[in-house]
Each structure stands twice: as structure tokens, then as C-alpha cells.
């Protein structure tokens, strides 16, 4: 079962005894700070949880499935997440 952003906001509001608006601001600010760090090319480390980072995919050759023609796929950056030791231990 997936948790939506609204469900996360509701749980934060309940656990931290905040209004829904304050919890929404806290969750959105947290996500925005993580996003902004990644945009700047920084790793975002949350001790005990994990690390958000940018991964680079190298350029490569691919094939157009409709024509069978070989095409060049450019390199690109994608966001990634590596879970921390504490999170791994809890999930085991």
C-alpha cells in the first residue's frame, strides 16, 4: 500500500500535534529543500534514514522499436536514493 503526500501530511499533523496547514508547510518545505539540494548537484544526507543523490547515466546506443533503427541515447542525470544502515535494519 502506497502512502500519498496528503496521507503523509495527515500523519505528521497527528503525530506532531500540528494543524494540517502547519504539517503541510513542514512536509512541502522538507521536500523542496531536498529537491533544491539535488538541483545544485549536492548529496542530501538524512542520518538514520538515507541519502538522496544524483546519478549520471552514460550515453548509449539504443534501437527504435518501431523502425529498428539504431539511435544514440544521450547521457542524463536521474535522482537516486540509498537507504541508511538504520533504515535497513528496521526493515529487515
PDB file of N, CA and C in Angstrom:
ATOM      1  N   UNK A   1       0.829  -1.174   0.000  1.00  0.00           N
ATOM      2  CA  UNK A   1       0.000   0.000   0.000  1.00  0.00           C
ATOM      3  C   UNK A   1       0.881   1.247   0.000  1.00  0.00           C
ATOM      4  N   UNK A   2       0.648   2.126  -0.927  1.00  0.00           N
ATOM      5  CA  UNK A   2       1.422   3.357  -1.032  1.00  0.00           C
ATOM      6  C   UNK A   2       0.816   4.447  -0.155  1.00  0.00           C
ATOM      7  N   UNK A   3       1.660   5.343   0.303  1.00  0.00           N
ATOM      8  CA  UNK A   3       1.187   6.476   1.090  1.00  0.00           C
ATOM      9  C   UNK A   3       1.268   7.720   0.207  1.00  0.00           C
ATOM     10  N   UNK A   4       0.174   8.431   0.095  1.00  0.00           N
ATOM     11  CA  UNK A   4       0.155   9.655  -0.697  1.00  0.00           C
ATOM     12  C   UNK A   4       0.710  10.809   0.138  1.00  0.00           C
ATOM     13  N   UNK A   5       0.998  11.901  -0.545  1.00  0.00           N
ATOM     14  CA  UNK A   5       1.516  13.072   0.145  1.00  0.00           C
ATOM     15  C   UNK A   5       0.496  13.597   1.165  1.00  0.00           C
ATOM     16  N   UNK A   6      -0.785  13.589   0.791  1.00  0.00           N
ATOM     17  CA  UNK A   6      -1.825  14.045   1.723  1.00  0.00           C
ATOM     18  C   UNK A   6      -1.905  13.157   2.956  1.00  0.00           C
ATOM     19  N   UNK A   7      -1.761  11.852   2.777  1.00  0.00           N
ATOM     20  CA  UNK A   7      -1.768  10.944   3.920  1.00  0.00           C
ATOM     21  C   UNK A   7      -0.563  11.203   4.824  1.00  0.00           C
ATOM     22  N   UNK A   8       0.586  11.483   4.205  1.00  0.00           N
ATOM     23  CA  UNK A   8       1.783  11.801   4.977  1.00  0.00           C
ATOM     24  C   UNK A   8       1.557  13.077   5.794  1.00  0.00           C
ATOM     25  N   UNK A   9       0.973  14.085   5.180  1.00  0.00           N
ATOM     26  CA  UNK A   9       0.692  15.339   5.879  1.00  0.00           C
ATOM     27  C   UNK A   9      -0.245  15.103   7.058  1.00  0.00           C
ATOM     28  N   UNK A  10      -1.279  14.296   6.858  1.00  0.00           N
ATOM     29  CA  UNK A  10      -2.216  13.987   7.943  1.00  0.00           C
ATOM     30  C   UNK A  10      -1.511  13.286   9.099  1.00  0.00           C
ATOM     31  N   UNK A  11      -0.638  12.332   8.786  1.00  0.00           N
ATOM     32  CA  UNK A  11       0.074  11.601   9.839  1.00  0.00           C
ATOM     33  C   UNK A  11       1.050  12.500  10.580  1.00  0.00           C
ATOM     34  N   UNK A  12       1.731  13.390   9.857  1.00  0.00           N
ATOM     35  CA  UNK A  12       2.647  14.337  10.503  1.00  0.00           C
ATOM     36  C   UNK A  12       1.860  15.261  11.433  1.00  0.00           C
ATOM     37  N   UNK A  13       0.717  15.742  10.960  1.00  0.00           N
ATOM     38  CA  UNK A  13      -0.120  16.634  11.782  1.00  0.00           C
ATOM     39  C   UNK A  13      -0.544  15.940  13.068  1.00  0.00           C
ATOM     40  N   UNK A  14      -0.943  14.692  12.946  1.00  0.00           N
ATOM     41  CA  UNK A  14      -1.423  13.943  14.114  1.00  0.00           C
ATOM     42  C   UNK A  14      -0.280  13.636  15.087  1.00  0.00           C
ATOM     43  N   UNK A  15       0.848  13.129  14.563  1.00  0.00           N
ATOM     44  CA  UNK A  15       1.988  12.733  15.406  1.00  0.00           C
ATOM     45  C   UNK A  15       2.635  13.925  16.093  1.00  0.00           C
ATOM     46  N   UNK A  16       2.780  15.047  15.363  1.00  0.00           N
ATOM     47  CA  UNK A  16       3.481  16.213  15.907  1.00  0.00           C
ATOM     48  C   UNK A  16       2.522  17.212  16.553  1.00  0.00           C
ATOM     49  N   UNK A  17       1.238  16.859  16.582  1.00  0.00           N
ATOM     50  CA  UNK A  17       0.224  17.724  17.173  1.00  0.00           C
ATOM     51  C   UNK A  17       0.233  19.107  16.519  1.00  0.00           C
ATOM     52  N   UNK A  18       0.218  19.102  15.186  1.00  0.00           N
ATOM     53  CA  UNK A  18       0.221  20.332  14.395  1.00  0.00           C
ATOM     54  C   UNK A  18      -1.103  20.463  13.654  1.00  0.00           C
ATOM     55  N   UNK A  19      -1.372  21.670  13.201  1.00  0.00           N
ATOM     56  CA  UNK A  19      -2.518  21.839  12.312  1.00  0.00           C
ATOM     57  C   UNK A  19      -2.151  21.221  10.972  1.00  0.00           C
ATOM     58  N   UNK A  20      -3.160  20.919  10.202  1.00  0.00           N
ATOM     59  CA  UNK A  20      -2.908  20.327   8.890  1.00  0.00           C
ATOM     60  C   UNK A  20      -2.105  21.296   8.010  1.00  0.00           C
ATOM     61  N   UNK A  21      -2.386  22.582   8.154  1.00  0.00           N
ATOM     62  CA  UNK A  21      -1.665  23.587   7.368  1.00  0.00           C
ATOM     63  C   UNK A  21      -0.187  23.634   7.756  1.00  0.00           C
ATOM     64  N   UNK A  22       0.099  23.596   9.063  1.00  0.00           N
ATOM     65  CA  UNK A  22       1.488  23.613   9.532  1.00  0.00           C
ATOM     66  C   UNK A  22       2.225  22.345   9.100  1.00  0.00           C
ATOM     67  N   UNK A  23       1.551  21.216   9.170  1.00  0.00           N
ATOM     68  CA  UNK A  23       2.160  19.953   8.733  1.00  0.00           C
ATOM     69  C   UNK A  23       2.417  19.983   7.234  1.00  0.00           C
ATOM     70  N   UNK A  24       1.484  20.540   6.475  1.00  0.00           N
ATOM     71  CA  UNK A  24       1.658  20.659   5.024  1.00  0.00           C
ATOM     72  C   UNK A  24       2.865  21.532   4.706  1.00  0.00           C
ATOM     73  N   UNK A  25       2.997  22.649   5.408  1.00  0.00           N
ATOM     74  CA  UNK A  25       4.151  23.530   5.200  1.00  0.00           C
ATOM     75  C   UNK A  25       5.452  22.808   5.532  1.00  0.00           C
ATOM     76  N   UNK A  26       5.464  22.034   6.616  1.00  0.00           N
ATOM     77  CA  UNK A  26       6.675  21.309   7.024  1.00  0.00           C
ATOM     78  C   UNK A  26       7.060  20.252   5.992  1.00  0.00           C
ATOM     79  N   UNK A  27       6.085  19.479   5.539  1.00  0.00           N
ATOM     80  CA  UNK A  27       6.367  18.418   4.559  1.00  0.00           C
ATOM     81  C   UNK A  27       6.815  19.035   3.238  1.00  0.00           C
ATOM     82  N   UNK A  28       6.105  20.042   2.764  1.00  0.00           N
ATOM     83  CA  UNK A  28       6.473  20.679   1.494  1.00  0.00           C
ATOM     84  C   UNK A  28       7.847  21.333   1.568  1.00  0.00           C
ATOM     85  N   UNK A  29       8.161  21.984   2.689  1.00  0.00           N
ATOM     86  CA  UNK A  29       9.473  22.612   2.858  1.00  0.00           C
ATOM     87  C   UNK A  29      10.572  21.559   2.845  1.00  0.00           C
ATOM     88  N   UNK A  30      10.337  20.442   3.516  1.00  0.00           N
ATOM     89  CA  UNK A  30      11.326  19.361   3.532  1.00  0.00           C
ATOM     90  C   UNK A  30      11.587  18.837   2.122  1.00  0.00           C
ATOM     91  N   UNK A  31      10.517  18.551   1.397  1.00  0.00           N
ATOM     92  CA  UNK A  31      10.683  18.056   0.025  1.00  0.00           C
ATOM     93  C   UNK A  31      11.368  19.088  -0.863  1.00  0.00           C
ATOM     94  N   UNK A  32      11.013  20.361  -0.701  1.00  0.00           N
ATOM     95  CA  UNK A  32      11.626  21.417  -1.505  1.00  0.00           C
ATOM     96  C   UNK A  32      13.115  21.561  -1.208  1.00  0.00           C
ATOM     97  N   UNK A  33      13.497  21.437   0.061  1.00  0.00           N
ATOM     98  CA  UNK A  33      14.914  21.521   0.414  1.00  0.00           C
ATOM     99  C   UNK A  33      15.703  20.359  -0.178  1.00  0.00           C
ATOM    100  N   UNK A  34      15.134  19.160  -0.159  1.00  0.00           N
ATOM    101  CA  UNK A  34      15.786  18.004  -0.770  1.00  0.00           C
ATOM    102  C   UNK A  34      15.926  18.236  -2.268  1.00  0.00           C
ATOM    103  N   UNK A  35      14.837  18.673  -2.923  1.00  0.00           N
ATOM    104  CA  UNK A  35      14.866  18.938  -4.366  1.00  0.00           C
ATOM    105  C   UNK A  35      15.902  20.001  -4.710  1.00  0.00           C
ATOM    106  N   UNK A  36      15.925  21.109  -3.956  1.00  0.00           N
ATOM    107  CA  UNK A  36      16.864  22.189  -4.234  1.00  0.00           C
ATOM    108  C   UNK A  36      18.315  21.740  -4.092  1.00  0.00           C
ATOM    109  N   UNK A  37      18.589  20.919  -3.087  1.00  0.00           N
ATOM    110  CA  UNK A  37      19.939  20.377  -2.918  1.00  0.00           C
ATOM    111  C   UNK A  37      20.347  19.524  -4.103  1.00  0.00           C
ATOM    112  N   UNK A  38      19.434  18.691  -4.583  1.00  0.00           N
ATOM    113  CA  UNK A  38      19.733  17.840  -5.739  1.00  0.00           C
ATOM    114  C   UNK A  38      19.943  18.665  -7.000  1.00  0.00           C
ATOM    115  N   UNK A  39      19.140  19.718  -7.168  1.00  0.00           N
ATOM    116  CA  UNK A  39      19.291  20.587  -8.339  1.00  0.00           C
ATOM    117  C   UNK A  39      20.680  21.233  -8.349  1.00  0.00           C
ATOM    118  N   UNK A  40      21.186  21.567  -7.162  1.00  0.00           N
ATOM    119  CA  UNK A  40      22.535  22.147  -7.066  1.00  0.00           C
ATOM    120  C   UNK A  40      23.627  21.088  -7.210  1.00  0.00           C
ATOM    121  N   UNK A  41      23.251  19.828  -7.340  1.00  0.00           N
ATOM    122  CA  UNK A  41      24.230  18.756  -7.501  1.00  0.00           C
ATOM    123  C   UNK A  41      24.776  18.230  -6.182  1.00  0.00           C
ATOM    124  N   UNK A  42      24.137  18.567  -5.081  1.00  0.00           N
ATOM    125  CA  UNK A  42      24.590  18.138  -3.761  1.00  0.00           C
ATOM    126  C   UNK A  42      23.939  16.820  -3.365  1.00  0.00           C
ATOM    127  N   UNK A  43      24.635  16.081  -2.490  1.00  0.00           N
ATOM    128  CA  UNK A  43      24.022  14.922  -1.846  1.00  0.00           C
ATOM    129  C   UNK A  43      23.269  15.441  -0.639  1.00  0.00           C
ATOM    130  N   UNK A  44      22.103  14.887  -0.382  1.00  0.00           N
ATOM    131  CA  UNK A  44      21.328  15.260   0.804  1.00  0.00           C
ATOM    132  C   UNK A  44      21.308  14.037   1.712  1.00  0.00           C
ATOM    133  N   UNK A  45      21.992  14.152   2.842  1.00  0.00           N
ATOM    134  CA  UNK A  45      22.134  13.031   3.776  1.00  0.00           C
ATOM    135  C   UNK A  45      21.228  13.267   4.973  1.00  0.00           C
ATOM    136  N   UNK A  46      20.324  12.327   5.224  1.00  0.00           N
ATOM    137  CA  UNK A  46      19.479  12.367   6.410  1.00  0.00           C
ATOM    138  C   UNK A  46      19.913  11.189   7.273  1.00  0.00           C
ATOM    139  N   UNK A  47      20.690  11.498   8.300  1.00  0.00           N
ATOM    140  CA  UNK A  47      21.286  10.467   9.139  1.00  0.00           C
ATOM    141  C   UNK A  47      20.199   9.571   9.730  1.00  0.00           C
ATOM    142  N   UNK A  48      20.418   8.260   9.631  1.00  0.00           N
ATOM    143  CA  UNK A  48      19.464   7.290  10.148  1.00  0.00           C
ATOM    144  C   UNK A  48      18.379   6.936   9.146  1.00  0.00           C
ATOM    145  N   UNK A  49      18.315   7.652   8.029  1.00  0.00           N
ATOM    146  CA  UNK A  49      17.282   7.380   7.026  1.00  0.00           C
ATOM    147  C   UNK A  49      17.908   6.999   5.691  1.00  0.00           C
ATOM    148  N   UNK A  50      18.682   7.913   5.114  1.00  0.00           N
ATOM    149  CA  UNK A  50      19.306   7.606   3.842  1.00  0.00           C
ATOM    150  C   UNK A  50      19.881   8.827   3.163  1.00  0.00           C
ATOM    151  N   UNK A  51      20.339   8.631   1.938  1.00  0.00           N
ATOM    152  CA  UNK A  51      20.990   9.680   1.165  1.00  0.00           C
ATOM    153  C   UNK A  51      20.299   9.830  -0.183  1.00  0.00           C
ATOM    154  N   UNK A  52      19.927  11.063  -0.506  1.00  0.00           N
ATOM    155  CA  UNK A  52      19.403  11.388  -1.828  1.00  0.00           C
ATOM    156  C   UNK A  52      20.572  11.907  -2.646  1.00  0.00           C
ATOM    157  N   UNK A  53      20.701  11.447  -3.887  1.00  0.00           N
ATOM    158  CA  UNK A  53      21.818  11.855  -4.718  1.00  0.00           C
ATOM    159  C   UNK A  53      21.423  11.858  -6.188  1.00  0.00           C
ATOM    160  N   UNK A  54      22.290  12.436  -7.011  1.00  0.00           N
ATOM    161  CA  UNK A  54      22.074  12.463  -8.452  1.00  0.00           C
ATOM    162  C   UNK A  54      22.965  11.389  -9.075  1.00  0.00           C
ATOM    163  N   UNK A  55      22.371  10.570  -9.889  1.00  0.00           N
ATOM    164  CA  UNK A  55      23.120   9.542 -10.617  1.00  0.00           C
ATOM    165  C   UNK A  55      23.193   9.952 -12.078  1.00  0.00           C
ATOM    166  N   UNK A  56      24.340   9.692 -12.691  1.00  0.00           N
ATOM    167  CA  UNK A  56      24.506  10.003 -14.110  1.00  0.00           C
ATOM    168  C   UNK A  56      24.429   8.725 -14.922  1.00  0.00           C
ATOM    169  N   UNK A  57      23.619   8.765 -15.968  1.00  0.00           N
ATOM    170  CA  UNK A  57      23.549   7.634 -16.889  1.00  0.00           C
ATOM    171  C   UNK A  57      24.348   7.999 -18.119  1.00  0.00           C
ATOM    172  N   UNK A  58      25.251   7.136 -18.520  1.00  0.00           N
ATOM    173  CA  UNK A  58      26.117   7.397 -19.666  1.00  0.00           C
ATOM    174  C   UNK A  58      25.319   7.340 -20.963  1.00  0.00           C
ATOM    175  N   UNK A  59      25.833   8.034 -21.966  1.00  0.00           N
ATOM    176  CA  UNK A  59      25.226   7.967 -23.299  1.00  0.00           C
ATOM    177  C   UNK A  59      25.397   6.545 -23.815  1.00  0.00           C
ATOM    178  N   UNK A  60      24.422   6.106 -24.591  1.00  0.00           N
ATOM    179  CA  UNK A  60      24.499   4.735 -25.110  1.00  0.00           C
ATOM    180  C   UNK A  60      23.714   4.626 -26.400  1.00  0.00           C
ATOM    181  N   UNK A  61      23.929   3.528 -27.084  1.00  0.00           N
ATOM    182  CA  UNK A  61      23.177   3.262 -28.304  1.00  0.00           C
ATOM    183  C   UNK A  61      21.940   2.463 -27.975  1.00  0.00           C
ATOM    184  N   UNK A  62      20.853   2.807 -28.618  1.00  0.00           N
ATOM    185  CA  UNK A  62      19.616   2.077 -28.430  1.00  0.00           C
ATOM    186  C   UNK A  62      18.995   1.781 -29.784  1.00  0.00           C
ATOM    187  N   UNK A  63      17.807   1.229 -29.761  1.00  0.00           N
ATOM    188  CA  UNK A  63      17.141   0.877 -31.003  1.00  0.00           C
ATOM    189  C   UNK A  63      15.702   1.381 -30.947  1.00  0.00           C
ATOM    190  N   UNK A  64      15.281   2.052 -32.015  1.00  0.00           N
ATOM    191  CA  UNK A  64      13.901   2.492 -32.138  1.00  0.00           C
ATOM    192  C   UNK A  64      13.058   1.242 -32.359  1.00  0.00           C
ATOM    193  N   UNK A  65      12.123   0.923 -31.455  1.00  0.00           N
ATOM    194  CA  UNK A  65      11.363  -0.325 -31.582  1.00  0.00           C
ATOM    195  C   UNK A  65      10.427  -0.346 -32.798  1.00  0.00           C
ATOM    196  N   UNK A  66      10.025   0.817 -33.293  1.00  0.00           N
ATOM    197  CA  UNK A  66       9.117   0.846 -34.439  1.00  0.00           C
ATOM    198  C   UNK A  66       9.842   0.610 -35.755  1.00  0.00           C
ATOM    199  N   UNK A  67      11.050   1.209 -35.886  1.00  0.00           N
ATOM    200  CA  UNK A  67      11.756   1.111 -37.169  1.00  0.00           C
ATOM    201  C   UNK A  67      12.946   0.171 -37.119  1.00  0.00           C
ATOM    202  N   UNK A  68      13.419  -0.149 -35.921  1.00  0.00           N
ATOM    203  CA  UNK A  68      14.604  -0.992 -35.796  1.00  0.00           C
ATOM    204  C   UNK A  68      15.880  -0.193 -35.991  1.00  0.00           C
ATOM    205  N   UNK A  69      15.764   1.093 -36.246  1.00  0.00           N
ATOM    206  CA  UNK A  69      16.906   1.966 -36.494  1.00  0.00           C
ATOM    207  C   UNK A  69      17.707   2.165 -35.210  1.00  0.00           C
ATOM    208  N   UNK A  70      19.032   2.164 -35.309  1.00  0.00           N
ATOM    209  CA  UNK A  70      19.904   2.424 -34.174  1.00  0.00           C
ATOM    210  C   UNK A  70      19.916   3.927 -33.904  1.00  0.00           C
ATOM    211  N   UNK A  71      19.756   4.285 -32.638  1.00  0.00           N
ATOM    212  CA  UNK A  71      19.764   5.697 -32.263  1.00  0.00           C
ATOM    213  C   UNK A  71      20.737   5.904 -31.114  1.00  0.00           C
ATOM    214  N   UNK A  72      21.178   7.135 -30.955  1.00  0.00           N
ATOM    215  CA  UNK A  72      22.067   7.479 -29.849  1.00  0.00           C
ATOM    216  C   UNK A  72      21.212   8.060 -28.724  1.00  0.00           C
ATOM    217  N   UNK A  73      21.271   7.457 -27.539  1.00  0.00           N
ATOM    218  CA  UNK A  73      20.546   7.950 -26.370  1.00  0.00           C
ATOM    219  C   UNK A  73      21.532   8.813 -25.582  1.00  0.00           C
ATOM    220  N   UNK A  74      21.198  10.090 -25.362  1.00  0.00           N
ATOM    221  CA  UNK A  74      22.149  10.980 -24.673  1.00  0.00           C
ATOM    222  C   UNK A  74      22.275  10.643 -23.185  1.00  0.00           C
ATOM    223  N   UNK A  75      23.386  11.123 -22.603  1.00  0.00           N
ATOM    224  CA  UNK A  75      23.546  10.921 -21.158  1.00  0.00           C
ATOM    225  C   UNK A  75      22.522  11.777 -20.426  1.00  0.00           C
ATOM    226  N   UNK A  76      22.171  11.360 -19.207  1.00  0.00           N
ATOM    227  CA  UNK A  76      21.238  12.149 -18.415  1.00  0.00           C
ATOM    228  C   UNK A  76      21.446  11.883 -16.942  1.00  0.00           C
ATOM    229  N   UNK A  77      20.912  12.796 -16.145  1.00  0.00           N
ATOM    230  CA  UNK A  77      21.009  12.671 -14.692  1.00  0.00           C
ATOM    231  C   UNK A  77      19.652  12.257 -14.150  1.00  0.00           C
ATOM    232  N   UNK A  78      19.667  11.366 -13.156  1.00  0.00           N
ATOM    233  CA  UNK A  78      18.428  10.921 -12.520  1.00  0.00           C
ATOM    234  C   UNK A  78      18.609  10.971 -11.001  1.00  0.00           C
ATOM    235  N   UNK A  79      17.537  11.257 -10.265  1.00  0.00           N
ATOM    236  CA  UNK A  79      17.651  11.244  -8.811  1.00  0.00           C
ATOM    237  C   UNK A  79      17.713   9.810  -8.298  1.00  0.00           C
ATOM    238  N   UNK A  80      18.413   9.639  -7.200  1.00  0.00           N
ATOM    239  CA  UNK A  80      18.523   8.314  -6.608  1.00  0.00           C
ATOM    240  C   UNK A  80      18.465   8.397  -5.100  1.00  0.00           C
ATOM    241  N   UNK A  81      18.247   7.263  -4.476  1.00  0.00           N
ATOM    242  CA  UNK A  81      18.179   7.179  -3.019  1.00  0.00           C
ATOM    243  C   UNK A  81      18.901   5.932  -2.567  1.00  0.00           C
ATOM    244  N   UNK A  82      19.731   6.086  -1.542  1.00  0.00           N
ATOM    245  CA  UNK A  82      20.415   4.950  -0.927  1.00  0.00           C
ATOM    246  C   UNK A  82      19.979   4.931   0.531  1.00  0.00           C
ATOM    247  N   UNK A  83      19.374   3.839   0.956  1.00  0.00           N
ATOM    248  CA  UNK A  83      18.897   3.776   2.344  1.00  0.00           C
ATOM    249  C   UNK A  83      20.068   3.636   3.305  1.00  0.00           C
ATOM    250  N   UNK A  84      19.904   4.215   4.484  1.00  0.00           N
ATOM    251  CA  UNK A  84      20.931   4.162   5.515  1.00  0.00           C
ATOM    252  C   UNK A  84      20.884   2.850   6.283  1.00  0.00           C
ATOM    253  N   UNK A  85      21.920   2.592   7.058  1.00  0.00           N
ATOM    254  CA  UNK A  85      22.022   1.349   7.821  1.00  0.00           C
ATOM    255  C   UNK A  85      20.853   1.182   8.795  1.00  0.00           C
ATOM    256  N   UNK A  86      20.492   2.270   9.472  1.00  0.00           N
ATOM    257  CA  UNK A  86      19.414   2.198  10.451  1.00  0.00           C
ATOM    258  C   UNK A  86      18.102   1.804   9.795  1.00  0.00           C
ATOM    259  N   UNK A  87      17.784   2.409   8.664  1.00  0.00           N
ATOM    260  CA  UNK A  87      16.550   2.092   7.938  1.00  0.00           C
ATOM    261  C   UNK A  87      16.580   0.644   7.461  1.00  0.00           C
ATOM    262  N   UNK A  88      17.720   0.192   6.972  1.00  0.00           N
ATOM    263  CA  UNK A  88      17.836  -1.195   6.505  1.00  0.00           C
ATOM    264  C   UNK A  88      17.577  -2.174   7.650  1.00  0.00           C
ATOM    265  N   UNK A  89      18.129  -1.861   8.826  1.00  0.00           N
ATOM    266  CA  UNK A  89      17.953  -2.731   9.985  1.00  0.00           C
ATOM    267  C   UNK A  89      16.493  -2.794  10.413  1.00  0.00           C
ATOM    268  N   UNK A  90      15.800  -1.676  10.384  1.00  0.00           N
ATOM    269  CA  UNK A  90      14.402  -1.609  10.796  1.00  0.00           C
ATOM    270  C   UNK A  90      13.523  -2.408   9.843  1.00  0.00           C
ATOM    271  N   UNK A  91      13.841  -2.369   8.556  1.00  0.00           N
ATOM    272  CA  UNK A  91      13.006  -3.031   7.542  1.00  0.00           C
ATOM    273  C   UNK A  91      13.224  -4.540   7.534  1.00  0.00           C
ATOM    274  N   UNK A  92      14.404  -5.009   7.888  1.00  0.00           N
ATOM    275  CA  UNK A  92      14.697  -6.454   7.861  1.00  0.00           C
ATOM    276  C   UNK A  92      13.648  -7.232   8.491  1.00  0.00           C
TER     277      UNK A  92
END
